[in-house]
Amino acid sequence: MSLHSARTSITSRIPVPQDDVG
């Protein structure tokens, strides 16, 4: 789940809707 890792980095900086969770 490398995509989740990359998304986590962005989420940390900018609040984004977690539509891809689980």
PDB file of N, CA and C in Angstrom:
ATOM      1  N   MET A   1       0.842  -1.212   0.000  1.00  0.00           N
ATOM      2  CA  MET A   1       0.000   0.000   0.000  1.00  0.00           C
ATOM      3  C   MET A   1       0.867   1.248   0.000  1.00  0.00           C
ATOM      4  N   SER A   2       1.682   1.362  -1.012  1.00  0.00           N
ATOM      5  CA  SER A   2       2.582   2.516  -1.117  1.00  0.00           C
ATOM      6  C   SER A   2       1.775   3.788  -1.383  1.00  0.00           C
ATOM      7  N   LEU A   3       0.654   3.631  -2.058  1.00  0.00           N
ATOM      8  CA  LEU A   3      -0.179   4.784  -2.377  1.00  0.00           C
ATOM      9  C   LEU A   3      -0.645   5.459  -1.095  1.00  0.00           C
ATOM     10  N   HIS A   4      -1.031   4.648  -0.121  1.00  0.00           N
ATOM     11  CA  HIS A   4      -1.499   5.194   1.151  1.00  0.00           C
ATOM     12  C   HIS A   4      -0.388   5.999   1.819  1.00  0.00           C
ATOM     13  N   SER A   5       0.821   5.489   1.709  1.00  0.00           N
ATOM     14  CA  SER A   5       1.969   6.163   2.326  1.00  0.00           C
ATOM     15  C   SER A   5       2.159   7.541   1.701  1.00  0.00           C
ATOM     16  N   ALA A   6       2.091   7.589   0.384  1.00  0.00           N
ATOM     17  CA  ALA A   6       2.279   8.848  -0.326  1.00  0.00           C
ATOM     18  C   ALA A   6       1.146   9.812   0.020  1.00  0.00           C
ATOM     19  N   ARG A   7      -0.055   9.270   0.115  1.00  0.00           N
ATOM     20  CA  ARG A   7      -1.198  10.119   0.405  1.00  0.00           C
ATOM     21  C   ARG A   7      -1.110  10.670   1.833  1.00  0.00           C
ATOM     22  N   THR A   8      -0.603   9.866   2.728  1.00  0.00           N
ATOM     23  CA  THR A   8      -0.469  10.285   4.125  1.00  0.00           C
ATOM     24  C   THR A   8       0.417  11.517   4.227  1.00  0.00           C
ATOM     25  N   SER A   9       1.454  11.552   3.420  1.00  0.00           N
ATOM     26  CA  SER A   9       2.378  12.686   3.440  1.00  0.00           C
ATOM     27  C   SER A   9       1.642  13.961   3.039  1.00  0.00           C
ATOM     28  N   ILE A  10       0.837  13.854   2.000  1.00  0.00           N
ATOM     29  CA  ILE A  10       0.092  15.011   1.514  1.00  0.00           C
ATOM     30  C   ILE A  10      -0.968  15.422   2.532  1.00  0.00           C
ATOM     31  N   THR A  11      -1.637  14.431   3.077  1.00  0.00           N
ATOM     32  CA  THR A  11      -2.687  14.702   4.060  1.00  0.00           C
ATOM     33  C   THR A  11      -2.123  15.438   5.259  1.00  0.00           C
ATOM     34  N   SER A  12      -0.888  15.126   5.576  1.00  0.00           N
ATOM     35  CA  SER A  12      -0.248  15.755   6.728  1.00  0.00           C
ATOM     36  C   SER A  12      -0.086  17.255   6.485  1.00  0.00           C
ATOM     37  N   ARG A  13       0.154  17.617   5.215  1.00  0.00           N
ATOM     38  CA  ARG A  13       0.362  19.028   4.882  1.00  0.00           C
ATOM     39  C   ARG A  13      -0.956  19.701   4.523  1.00  0.00           C
ATOM     40  N   ILE A  14      -1.746  19.058   3.689  1.00  0.00           N
ATOM     41  CA  ILE A  14      -3.017  19.640   3.283  1.00  0.00           C
ATOM     42  C   ILE A  14      -4.163  18.673   3.581  1.00  0.00           C
ATOM     43  N   PRO A  15      -5.204  19.162   4.231  1.00  0.00           N
ATOM     44  CA  PRO A  15      -6.361  18.341   4.570  1.00  0.00           C
ATOM     45  C   PRO A  15      -7.125  17.876   3.331  1.00  0.00           C
ATOM     46  N   VAL A  16      -7.109  16.579   3.090  1.00  0.00           N
ATOM     47  CA  VAL A  16      -7.803  16.035   1.923  1.00  0.00           C
ATOM     48  C   VAL A  16      -8.800  14.969   2.353  1.00  0.00           C
ATOM     49  N   PRO A  17      -9.915  14.875   1.681  1.00  0.00           N
ATOM     50  CA  PRO A  17     -10.949  13.882   1.996  1.00  0.00           C
ATOM     51  C   PRO A  17     -10.409  12.473   1.847  1.00  0.00           C
ATOM     52  N   GLN A  18     -10.440  11.710   2.938  1.00  0.00           N
ATOM     53  CA  GLN A  18      -9.935  10.336   2.894  1.00  0.00           C
ATOM     54  C   GLN A  18     -10.962   9.433   2.220  1.00  0.00           C
ATOM     55  N   ASP A  19     -11.022   9.514   0.901  1.00  0.00           N
ATOM     56  CA  ASP A  19     -11.980   8.692   0.163  1.00  0.00           C
ATOM     57  C   ASP A  19     -11.396   7.309  -0.100  1.00  0.00           C
ATOM     58  N   ASP A  20     -10.064   7.209   0.042  1.00  0.00           N
ATOM     59  CA  ASP A  20      -9.394   5.931  -0.199  1.00  0.00           C
ATOM     60  C   ASP A  20      -8.854   5.378   1.114  1.00  0.00           C
ATOM     61  N   VAL A  21      -9.771   4.991   1.993  1.00  0.00           N
ATOM     62  CA  VAL A  21      -9.350   4.479   3.300  1.00  0.00           C
ATOM     63  C   VAL A  21      -9.737   3.011   3.438  1.00  0.00           C
ATOM     64  N   GLY A  22      -8.952   2.256   4.197  1.00  0.00           N
ATOM     65  CA  GLY A  22      -9.251   0.852   4.385  1.00  0.00           C
ATOM     66  C   GLY A  22      -8.482   0.018   3.400  1.00  0.00           C
TER      67      GLY A  22
END
